[in-house]
């Protein structure tokens, strides 16, 4: 053996490095999952689940009374959702057609809509639709962002109340 030669590596010298590399991959994956789990949607839909649970029977009774009314609401978001020039949102027209159990137009309703962004807080708005014809109601909306919106409609006439939930996409 010569004095200036480098000794050959023993067989399997790389095996400890594969263990270290494997643990490094697992650590990086766990850190990425931890980051996304703490910075994205919390999944919290209500802050008072217990109180809402106590009112469950009342909600069932309201649903039965609503079914007895036989009302139907047909909801449409205009197909021409247009971006606003200042990029502050989307302009859209929301139309609702209301009919009773016999298919006759329902006039004299007060229809309000809670417009909610399911993935982001702070963009909710409550609007009241204006009557525009027999059983027809409409409002022009400004939606702050494109995408999916949840709408909760409440139609009232006297003591009668009808609620409807819809999810619409304002691309």
N, C-alpha and C. Protein backbone atom coordinates (compact mmCIF):
# COMPACT_ATOMS: atom_id res chain seq x y z
N UNK A 1 0.85 -1.17 0.00
CA UNK A 1 0.00 0.00 0.00
C UNK A 1 0.89 1.22 0.00
N UNK A 2 0.52 2.15 -0.86
CA UNK A 2 1.33 3.36 -0.95
C UNK A 2 0.90 4.36 0.10
N UNK A 3 1.82 5.23 0.45
CA UNK A 3 1.59 6.19 1.51
C UNK A 3 0.59 7.27 1.12
N UNK A 4 0.52 7.67 -0.12
CA UNK A 4 -0.36 8.77 -0.52
C UNK A 4 -1.69 8.29 -1.10
N UNK A 5 -1.98 7.03 -1.04
CA UNK A 5 -3.26 6.54 -1.56
C UNK A 5 -4.36 6.66 -0.51
N UNK A 6 -5.58 6.88 -0.98
CA UNK A 6 -6.73 7.00 -0.09
C UNK A 6 -7.30 5.60 0.11
N UNK A 7 -7.57 5.22 1.35
CA UNK A 7 -8.08 3.88 1.57
C UNK A 7 -9.47 3.74 0.96
N UNK A 8 -9.84 2.61 0.46
CA UNK A 8 -11.15 2.35 -0.13
C UNK A 8 -12.21 2.34 0.97
N UNK A 9 -13.41 2.80 0.60
CA UNK A 9 -14.51 2.81 1.57
C UNK A 9 -14.98 1.38 1.80
N UNK A 10 -15.37 1.13 3.02
CA UNK A 10 -15.87 -0.22 3.29
C UNK A 10 -17.24 -0.42 2.64
N UNK A 11 -17.63 -1.64 2.40
CA UNK A 11 -18.94 -1.95 1.84
C UNK A 11 -20.04 -1.45 2.78
N UNK A 12 -21.09 -0.86 2.18
CA UNK A 12 -22.25 -0.41 2.97
C UNK A 12 -22.04 0.91 3.70
N UNK A 13 -21.04 1.66 3.32
CA UNK A 13 -20.77 2.94 3.99
C UNK A 13 -21.95 3.90 3.88
N UNK A 14 -22.82 3.76 2.89
CA UNK A 14 -23.92 4.69 2.61
C UNK A 14 -25.18 4.35 3.42
N UNK A 15 -25.26 3.20 4.03
CA UNK A 15 -26.48 2.78 4.73
C UNK A 15 -26.88 3.73 5.86
N UNK A 16 -26.01 4.20 6.72
CA UNK A 16 -26.46 5.15 7.77
C UNK A 16 -27.04 6.45 7.19
N UNK A 17 -26.52 6.87 6.04
CA UNK A 17 -27.03 8.10 5.42
C UNK A 17 -28.46 7.92 4.90
N UNK A 18 -28.82 6.71 4.47
CA UNK A 18 -30.20 6.48 4.04
C UNK A 18 -31.16 6.61 5.21
N UNK A 19 -30.77 6.16 6.38
CA UNK A 19 -31.64 6.32 7.56
C UNK A 19 -31.81 7.79 7.90
N UNK A 20 -30.73 8.53 7.88
CA UNK A 20 -30.80 9.96 8.16
C UNK A 20 -31.66 10.66 7.11
N UNK A 21 -31.47 10.31 5.84
CA UNK A 21 -32.27 10.91 4.76
C UNK A 21 -33.74 10.58 4.90
N UNK A 22 -34.05 9.34 5.25
CA UNK A 22 -35.45 8.94 5.44
C UNK A 22 -36.12 9.73 6.55
N UNK A 23 -35.43 9.87 7.69
CA UNK A 23 -35.99 10.66 8.78
C UNK A 23 -36.13 12.13 8.40
N UNK A 24 -35.22 12.63 7.58
CA UNK A 24 -35.31 14.03 7.13
C UNK A 24 -36.55 14.22 6.26
N UNK A 25 -36.84 13.27 5.38
CA UNK A 25 -38.03 13.35 4.54
C UNK A 25 -39.29 13.34 5.41
N UNK A 26 -39.36 12.46 6.39
CA UNK A 26 -40.51 12.39 7.29
C UNK A 26 -40.66 13.70 8.06
N UNK A 27 -39.56 14.26 8.54
CA UNK A 27 -39.61 15.51 9.29
C UNK A 27 -40.12 16.65 8.41
N UNK A 28 -39.63 16.75 7.19
CA UNK A 28 -40.08 17.81 6.28
C UNK A 28 -41.56 17.65 5.96
N UNK A 29 -42.02 16.43 5.72
CA UNK A 29 -43.44 16.19 5.44
C UNK A 29 -44.30 16.57 6.64
N UNK A 30 -43.89 16.20 7.83
CA UNK A 30 -44.65 16.56 9.03
C UNK A 30 -44.69 18.06 9.26
N UNK A 31 -43.60 18.74 9.02
CA UNK A 31 -43.59 20.19 9.17
C UNK A 31 -44.50 20.86 8.14
N UNK A 32 -44.54 20.35 6.92
CA UNK A 32 -45.43 20.90 5.90
C UNK A 32 -46.89 20.68 6.31
N UNK A 33 -47.23 19.49 6.76
CA UNK A 33 -48.60 19.22 7.21
C UNK A 33 -48.98 20.08 8.40
N UNK A 34 -48.06 20.27 9.32
CA UNK A 34 -48.31 21.13 10.48
C UNK A 34 -48.58 22.56 10.04
N UNK A 35 -47.81 23.05 9.10
CA UNK A 35 -48.01 24.41 8.61
C UNK A 35 -49.39 24.57 7.98
N UNK A 36 -49.76 23.65 7.10
CA UNK A 36 -51.06 23.76 6.43
C UNK A 36 -52.22 23.55 7.39
N UNK A 37 -52.04 22.72 8.39
CA UNK A 37 -53.10 22.49 9.36
C UNK A 37 -53.36 23.70 10.23
N UNK A 38 -52.36 24.49 10.50
CA UNK A 38 -52.54 25.64 11.39
C UNK A 38 -52.81 26.95 10.66
N UNK A 39 -52.63 27.00 9.34
CA UNK A 39 -52.81 28.26 8.63
C UNK A 39 -54.01 28.27 7.69
N UNK A 40 -54.70 27.16 7.53
CA UNK A 40 -55.84 27.12 6.62
C UNK A 40 -57.13 27.12 7.41
N UNK A 41 -58.25 26.88 6.73
CA UNK A 41 -59.58 26.93 7.32
C UNK A 41 -59.66 26.08 8.58
N UNK A 42 -60.19 26.67 9.64
CA UNK A 42 -60.23 26.00 10.93
C UNK A 42 -61.28 24.91 11.01
N UNK A 43 -62.28 24.95 10.13
CA UNK A 43 -63.35 23.97 10.17
C UNK A 43 -64.46 24.34 11.14
N UNK A 44 -64.28 25.39 11.91
CA UNK A 44 -65.29 25.81 12.87
C UNK A 44 -66.44 26.48 12.13
N UNK A 45 -67.64 25.93 12.27
CA UNK A 45 -68.79 26.52 11.60
C UNK A 45 -69.70 27.24 12.57
N UNK A 46 -69.61 26.94 13.82
CA UNK A 46 -70.41 27.64 14.82
C UNK A 46 -69.64 27.69 16.13
N UNK A 47 -69.83 28.74 16.85
CA UNK A 47 -69.17 28.89 18.14
C UNK A 47 -70.06 28.41 19.28
N UNK A 48 -71.32 28.13 18.98
CA UNK A 48 -72.27 27.75 20.02
C UNK A 48 -72.95 26.43 19.67
N UNK A 49 -72.18 25.40 19.44
CA UNK A 49 -72.74 24.11 19.02
C UNK A 49 -73.67 23.54 20.08
N UNK A 50 -73.32 23.66 21.34
CA UNK A 50 -74.15 23.11 22.41
C UNK A 50 -75.51 23.79 22.46
N UNK A 51 -75.52 25.12 22.38
CA UNK A 51 -76.78 25.87 22.41
C UNK A 51 -77.64 25.52 21.19
N UNK A 52 -77.01 25.41 20.04
CA UNK A 52 -77.76 25.04 18.83
C UNK A 52 -78.28 23.62 18.94
N UNK A 53 -77.55 22.75 19.58
CA UNK A 53 -78.01 21.38 19.78
C UNK A 53 -79.23 21.32 20.68
N UNK A 54 -79.29 22.19 21.67
CA UNK A 54 -80.45 22.22 22.56
C UNK A 54 -81.71 22.65 21.81
N UNK A 55 -81.56 23.45 20.77
CA UNK A 55 -82.70 23.96 20.01
C UNK A 55 -83.05 23.06 18.83
N UNK A 56 -82.53 21.84 18.81
CA UNK A 56 -82.75 20.93 17.68
C UNK A 56 -84.24 20.64 17.46
N UNK A 57 -84.96 20.34 18.52
CA UNK A 57 -86.38 20.02 18.38
C UNK A 57 -87.17 21.21 17.83
N UNK A 58 -86.79 22.42 18.21
CA UNK A 58 -87.44 23.61 17.66
C UNK A 58 -87.19 23.71 16.16
N UNK A 59 -85.98 23.38 15.74
CA UNK A 59 -85.64 23.43 14.32
C UNK A 59 -86.43 22.38 13.53
N UNK A 60 -86.62 21.20 14.11
CA UNK A 60 -87.41 20.16 13.45
C UNK A 60 -88.86 20.63 13.29
N UNK A 61 -89.40 21.26 14.31
CA UNK A 61 -90.78 21.78 14.24
C UNK A 61 -90.90 22.86 13.17
N UNK A 62 -89.89 23.74 13.07
CA UNK A 62 -89.88 24.77 12.03
C UNK A 62 -89.84 24.14 10.64
N UNK A 63 -89.05 23.10 10.48
CA UNK A 63 -88.96 22.42 9.18
C UNK A 63 -90.29 21.77 8.80
N UNK A 64 -90.99 21.20 9.77
CA UNK A 64 -92.30 20.59 9.49
C UNK A 64 -93.32 21.65 9.11
N UNK A 65 -93.30 22.80 9.80
CA UNK A 65 -94.22 23.89 9.46
C UNK A 65 -93.91 24.43 8.07
N UNK A 66 -92.64 24.51 7.73
CA UNK A 66 -92.24 24.99 6.41
C UNK A 66 -92.69 24.03 5.33
N UNK A 67 -92.55 22.74 5.56
CA UNK A 67 -92.99 21.74 4.58
C UNK A 67 -94.50 21.82 4.38
N UNK A 68 -95.25 22.13 5.44
CA UNK A 68 -96.71 22.24 5.33
C UNK A 68 -97.13 23.43 4.47
N UNK A 69 -96.29 24.47 4.41
CA UNK A 69 -96.60 25.63 3.56
C UNK A 69 -96.61 25.24 2.08
N UNK A 70 -95.67 24.41 1.69
CA UNK A 70 -95.59 23.99 0.29
C UNK A 70 -94.98 25.02 -0.64
N UNK A 71 -94.33 26.02 -0.09
CA UNK A 71 -93.71 27.04 -0.92
C UNK A 71 -92.47 26.48 -1.59
N UNK A 72 -92.14 27.05 -2.74
CA UNK A 72 -90.87 26.76 -3.41
C UNK A 72 -90.22 28.07 -3.82
N UNK A 73 -88.94 28.13 -3.66
CA UNK A 73 -88.15 29.28 -4.12
C UNK A 73 -87.16 28.77 -5.15
N UNK A 74 -87.16 29.39 -6.31
CA UNK A 74 -86.20 29.07 -7.35
C UNK A 74 -85.17 30.19 -7.38
N UNK A 75 -83.91 29.85 -7.16
CA UNK A 75 -82.83 30.83 -7.03
C UNK A 75 -81.94 30.77 -8.25
N UNK A 76 -81.57 31.94 -8.78
CA UNK A 76 -80.65 32.00 -9.91
C UNK A 76 -79.72 33.20 -9.74
N UNK A 77 -78.44 32.93 -9.94
CA UNK A 77 -77.44 33.99 -9.98
C UNK A 77 -77.17 34.26 -11.45
N UNK A 78 -77.17 35.53 -11.83
CA UNK A 78 -77.02 35.86 -13.25
C UNK A 78 -75.77 35.20 -13.83
N UNK A 79 -75.90 34.78 -15.06
CA UNK A 79 -74.76 34.12 -15.70
C UNK A 79 -73.68 35.13 -16.08
N UNK A 80 -74.02 36.39 -16.09
CA UNK A 80 -73.03 37.42 -16.43
C UNK A 80 -72.46 38.05 -15.17
N UNK A 81 -71.74 37.25 -14.38
CA UNK A 81 -71.04 37.78 -13.21
C UNK A 81 -69.82 38.49 -13.75
N UNK A 82 -69.80 39.81 -13.62
CA UNK A 82 -68.74 40.60 -14.26
C UNK A 82 -67.77 41.16 -13.23
N UNK A 83 -66.47 41.06 -13.51
CA UNK A 83 -65.49 41.67 -12.61
C UNK A 83 -65.65 43.18 -12.63
N UNK A 84 -65.53 43.78 -11.47
CA UNK A 84 -65.60 45.23 -11.39
C UNK A 84 -64.27 45.82 -11.83
N UNK A 85 -64.29 47.04 -12.40
CA UNK A 85 -63.06 47.62 -12.96
C UNK A 85 -61.94 47.80 -11.94
N UNK A 86 -62.29 48.08 -10.69
CA UNK A 86 -61.25 48.31 -9.69
C UNK A 86 -60.81 47.02 -8.99
N UNK A 87 -61.23 45.87 -9.54
CA UNK A 87 -60.87 44.55 -9.01
C UNK A 87 -61.32 44.36 -7.57
N UNK A 88 -62.36 45.08 -7.16
CA UNK A 88 -62.85 44.98 -5.79
C UNK A 88 -63.92 43.92 -5.64
N UNK A 89 -64.18 43.16 -6.66
CA UNK A 89 -65.18 42.11 -6.53
C UNK A 89 -65.86 41.81 -7.84
N UNK A 90 -67.03 41.20 -7.73
CA UNK A 90 -67.82 40.79 -8.88
C UNK A 90 -69.22 41.36 -8.74
N UNK A 91 -69.76 41.89 -9.81
CA UNK A 91 -71.14 42.37 -9.83
C UNK A 91 -72.02 41.23 -10.35
N UNK A 92 -73.12 40.98 -9.66
CA UNK A 92 -74.02 39.90 -10.05
C UNK A 92 -75.45 40.28 -9.72
N UNK A 93 -76.38 39.63 -10.39
CA UNK A 93 -77.80 39.83 -10.10
C UNK A 93 -78.35 38.52 -9.56
N UNK A 94 -79.00 38.61 -8.42
CA UNK A 94 -79.60 37.45 -7.77
C UNK A 94 -81.10 37.54 -7.97
N UNK A 95 -81.69 36.46 -8.53
CA UNK A 95 -83.13 36.43 -8.79
C UNK A 95 -83.75 35.27 -8.04
N UNK A 96 -84.93 35.52 -7.47
CA UNK A 96 -85.68 34.49 -6.76
C UNK A 96 -87.11 34.51 -7.27
N UNK A 97 -87.63 33.34 -7.61
CA UNK A 97 -89.02 33.19 -8.01
C UNK A 97 -89.70 32.33 -6.94
N UNK A 98 -90.81 32.85 -6.39
CA UNK A 98 -91.51 32.17 -5.30
C UNK A 98 -92.89 31.72 -5.76
N UNK A 99 -93.22 30.45 -5.42
CA UNK A 99 -94.53 29.91 -5.76
C UNK A 99 -95.11 29.19 -4.55
N UNK A 100 -96.44 29.16 -4.48
CA UNK A 100 -97.09 28.43 -3.40
C UNK A 100 -97.26 26.96 -3.81
N UNK A 101 -97.98 26.20 -2.99
CA UNK A 101 -98.12 24.76 -3.25
C UNK A 101 -98.86 24.48 -4.55
N UNK A 102 -99.71 25.41 -5.00
CA UNK A 102 -100.45 25.23 -6.24
C UNK A 102 -99.73 25.76 -7.46
N UNK A 103 -98.52 26.27 -7.31
CA UNK A 103 -97.76 26.79 -8.43
C UNK A 103 -98.08 28.23 -8.76
N UNK A 104 -98.84 28.90 -7.90
CA UNK A 104 -99.17 30.32 -8.12
C UNK A 104 -98.07 31.20 -7.54
N UNK A 105 -97.81 32.35 -8.16
CA UNK A 105 -96.76 33.25 -7.66
C UNK A 105 -97.10 33.75 -6.25
N UNK A 106 -96.07 33.84 -5.43
CA UNK A 106 -96.22 34.35 -4.06
C UNK A 106 -95.82 35.82 -4.04
N UNK A 107 -96.78 36.69 -3.83
CA UNK A 107 -96.51 38.11 -3.73
C UNK A 107 -96.56 38.54 -2.27
N UNK A 108 -95.99 39.68 -1.99
CA UNK A 108 -96.03 40.23 -0.64
C UNK A 108 -95.02 39.61 0.31
N UNK A 109 -94.04 38.93 -0.21
CA UNK A 109 -93.01 38.34 0.65
C UNK A 109 -91.92 39.37 0.94
N UNK A 110 -91.33 39.24 2.09
CA UNK A 110 -90.11 39.98 2.41
C UNK A 110 -89.01 38.92 2.41
N UNK A 111 -88.14 39.00 1.40
CA UNK A 111 -87.08 38.00 1.24
C UNK A 111 -85.73 38.65 1.55
N UNK A 112 -85.07 38.08 2.53
CA UNK A 112 -83.71 38.51 2.85
C UNK A 112 -82.77 37.35 2.57
N UNK A 113 -81.54 37.69 2.26
CA UNK A 113 -80.53 36.66 1.98
C UNK A 113 -79.25 36.99 2.73
N UNK A 114 -78.76 36.01 3.45
CA UNK A 114 -77.45 36.12 4.07
C UNK A 114 -76.46 35.50 3.08
N UNK A 115 -75.53 36.31 2.59
CA UNK A 115 -74.55 35.87 1.60
C UNK A 115 -73.24 35.65 2.35
N UNK A 116 -72.79 34.38 2.38
CA UNK A 116 -71.61 34.03 3.16
C UNK A 116 -70.56 33.35 2.30
N UNK A 117 -69.32 33.66 2.60
CA UNK A 117 -68.18 32.97 1.98
C UNK A 117 -67.82 31.82 2.91
N UNK A 118 -67.95 30.56 2.45
CA UNK A 118 -67.76 29.44 3.37
C UNK A 118 -66.32 29.27 3.87
N UNK A 119 -65.36 29.80 3.16
CA UNK A 119 -63.96 29.57 3.55
C UNK A 119 -63.27 30.79 4.14
N UNK A 120 -63.99 31.90 4.26
CA UNK A 120 -63.32 33.11 4.72
C UNK A 120 -64.31 33.98 5.49
N UNK A 121 -63.91 34.40 6.66
CA UNK A 121 -64.77 35.25 7.46
C UNK A 121 -64.58 36.71 7.07
N UNK A 122 -65.57 37.52 7.42
CA UNK A 122 -65.47 38.96 7.20
C UNK A 122 -66.04 39.44 5.88
N UNK A 123 -66.54 38.55 5.04
CA UNK A 123 -67.08 38.96 3.74
C UNK A 123 -68.60 38.79 3.69
N UNK A 124 -69.22 38.40 4.81
CA UNK A 124 -70.66 38.16 4.83
C UNK A 124 -71.43 39.46 4.66
N UNK A 125 -72.60 39.34 4.05
CA UNK A 125 -73.49 40.49 3.92
C UNK A 125 -74.93 39.99 3.92
N UNK A 126 -75.83 40.82 4.43
CA UNK A 126 -77.26 40.52 4.43
C UNK A 126 -77.94 41.51 3.51
N UNK A 127 -78.74 40.99 2.57
CA UNK A 127 -79.41 41.85 1.59
C UNK A 127 -80.90 41.53 1.58
N UNK A 128 -81.69 42.50 1.15
CA UNK A 128 -83.14 42.32 1.00
C UNK A 128 -83.48 42.43 -0.47
N UNK A 129 -84.16 41.43 -0.99
CA UNK A 129 -84.53 41.41 -2.40
C UNK A 129 -85.79 42.25 -2.62
N UNK A 130 -85.82 42.94 -3.74
CA UNK A 130 -86.96 43.81 -4.07
C UNK A 130 -87.90 43.07 -5.00
N UNK A 131 -89.22 43.24 -4.82
CA UNK A 131 -90.17 42.61 -5.75
C UNK A 131 -90.09 43.27 -7.12
N UNK A 132 -90.09 42.45 -8.18
CA UNK A 132 -90.01 42.98 -9.54
C UNK A 132 -91.10 42.45 -10.45
N UNK A 133 -92.00 41.66 -9.90
CA UNK A 133 -93.09 41.09 -10.69
C UNK A 133 -93.83 40.07 -9.86
N UNK A 134 -94.83 39.42 -10.46
CA UNK A 134 -95.58 38.42 -9.71
C UNK A 134 -94.69 37.27 -9.25
N UNK A 135 -94.46 37.18 -7.96
CA UNK A 135 -93.64 36.13 -7.38
C UNK A 135 -92.17 36.23 -7.70
N UNK A 136 -91.72 37.35 -8.26
CA UNK A 136 -90.31 37.52 -8.65
C UNK A 136 -89.66 38.59 -7.80
N UNK A 137 -88.43 38.31 -7.39
CA UNK A 137 -87.66 39.22 -6.54
C UNK A 137 -86.24 39.26 -7.06
N UNK A 138 -85.57 40.41 -6.87
CA UNK A 138 -84.23 40.57 -7.45
C UNK A 138 -83.42 41.57 -6.63
N UNK A 139 -82.11 41.39 -6.71
CA UNK A 139 -81.17 42.36 -6.13
C UNK A 139 -79.86 42.29 -6.91
N UNK A 140 -79.21 43.42 -7.04
CA UNK A 140 -77.87 43.49 -7.64
C UNK A 140 -76.87 43.44 -6.49
N UNK A 141 -75.94 42.50 -6.57
CA UNK A 141 -74.95 42.28 -5.52
C UNK A 141 -73.55 42.63 -5.97
N UNK A 142 -72.72 42.95 -5.02
CA UNK A 142 -71.29 43.02 -5.25
C UNK A 142 -70.65 41.97 -4.36
N UNK A 143 -70.09 40.95 -4.99
CA UNK A 143 -69.41 39.88 -4.26
C UNK A 143 -67.93 40.22 -4.21
N UNK A 144 -67.36 40.33 -3.00
CA UNK A 144 -65.97 40.78 -2.88
C UNK A 144 -64.94 39.90 -3.59
N UNK A 145 -65.25 38.61 -3.75
CA UNK A 145 -64.28 37.70 -4.38
C UNK A 145 -65.03 36.70 -5.25
N UNK A 146 -64.37 36.17 -6.26
CA UNK A 146 -64.99 35.12 -7.07
C UNK A 146 -64.98 33.81 -6.29
N UNK A 147 -65.79 32.88 -6.75
CA UNK A 147 -65.77 31.55 -6.13
C UNK A 147 -67.11 31.17 -5.54
N UNK A 148 -67.07 30.29 -4.57
CA UNK A 148 -68.27 29.70 -3.98
C UNK A 148 -68.80 30.59 -2.87
N UNK A 149 -70.14 30.75 -2.88
CA UNK A 149 -70.84 31.53 -1.85
C UNK A 149 -72.03 30.73 -1.36
N UNK A 150 -72.26 30.76 -0.06
CA UNK A 150 -73.45 30.15 0.53
C UNK A 150 -74.48 31.24 0.74
N UNK A 151 -75.73 30.95 0.34
CA UNK A 151 -76.82 31.90 0.51
C UNK A 151 -77.89 31.26 1.38
N UNK A 152 -78.32 31.98 2.40
CA UNK A 152 -79.40 31.52 3.28
C UNK A 152 -80.54 32.52 3.11
N UNK A 153 -81.62 32.05 2.49
CA UNK A 153 -82.78 32.90 2.21
C UNK A 153 -83.82 32.72 3.31
N UNK A 154 -84.45 33.84 3.68
CA UNK A 154 -85.58 33.81 4.59
C UNK A 154 -86.70 34.60 3.93
N UNK A 155 -87.80 33.91 3.65
CA UNK A 155 -88.98 34.55 3.05
C UNK A 155 -90.07 34.60 4.11
N UNK A 156 -90.59 35.81 4.34
CA UNK A 156 -91.62 35.99 5.38
C UNK A 156 -92.85 36.66 4.78
N UNK A 157 -93.99 36.20 5.25
CA UNK A 157 -95.26 36.86 4.96
C UNK A 157 -96.13 36.65 6.18
N UNK A 158 -96.33 37.71 6.94
CA UNK A 158 -97.08 37.60 8.19
C UNK A 158 -96.33 36.69 9.16
N UNK A 159 -97.02 35.67 9.65
CA UNK A 159 -96.40 34.72 10.58
C UNK A 159 -95.74 33.55 9.87
N UNK A 160 -95.85 33.49 8.55
CA UNK A 160 -95.29 32.37 7.79
C UNK A 160 -93.83 32.66 7.42
N UNK A 161 -93.00 31.67 7.64
CA UNK A 161 -91.57 31.81 7.35
C UNK A 161 -91.09 30.60 6.56
N UNK A 162 -90.26 30.87 5.55
CA UNK A 162 -89.69 29.83 4.71
C UNK A 162 -88.19 30.10 4.60
N UNK A 163 -87.38 29.07 4.86
CA UNK A 163 -85.92 29.22 4.76
C UNK A 163 -85.38 28.27 3.70
N UNK A 164 -84.35 28.73 3.03
CA UNK A 164 -83.74 27.94 1.98
C UNK A 164 -82.24 28.22 1.95
N UNK A 165 -81.45 27.18 1.78
CA UNK A 165 -79.99 27.32 1.67
C UNK A 165 -79.58 26.89 0.26
N UNK A 166 -78.68 27.67 -0.33
CA UNK A 166 -78.14 27.34 -1.64
C UNK A 166 -76.66 27.70 -1.66
N UNK A 167 -75.91 26.94 -2.44
CA UNK A 167 -74.49 27.23 -2.67
C UNK A 167 -74.35 27.57 -4.14
N UNK A 168 -73.81 28.76 -4.41
CA UNK A 168 -73.67 29.23 -5.79
C UNK A 168 -72.22 29.57 -6.07
N UNK A 169 -71.86 29.51 -7.34
CA UNK A 169 -70.49 29.80 -7.75
C UNK A 169 -70.49 31.07 -8.59
N UNK A 170 -69.76 32.08 -8.13
CA UNK A 170 -69.62 33.34 -8.86
C UNK A 170 -68.20 33.39 -9.42
N UNK A 171 -68.02 32.78 -10.56
CA UNK A 171 -66.67 32.70 -11.14
C UNK A 171 -66.18 34.03 -11.64
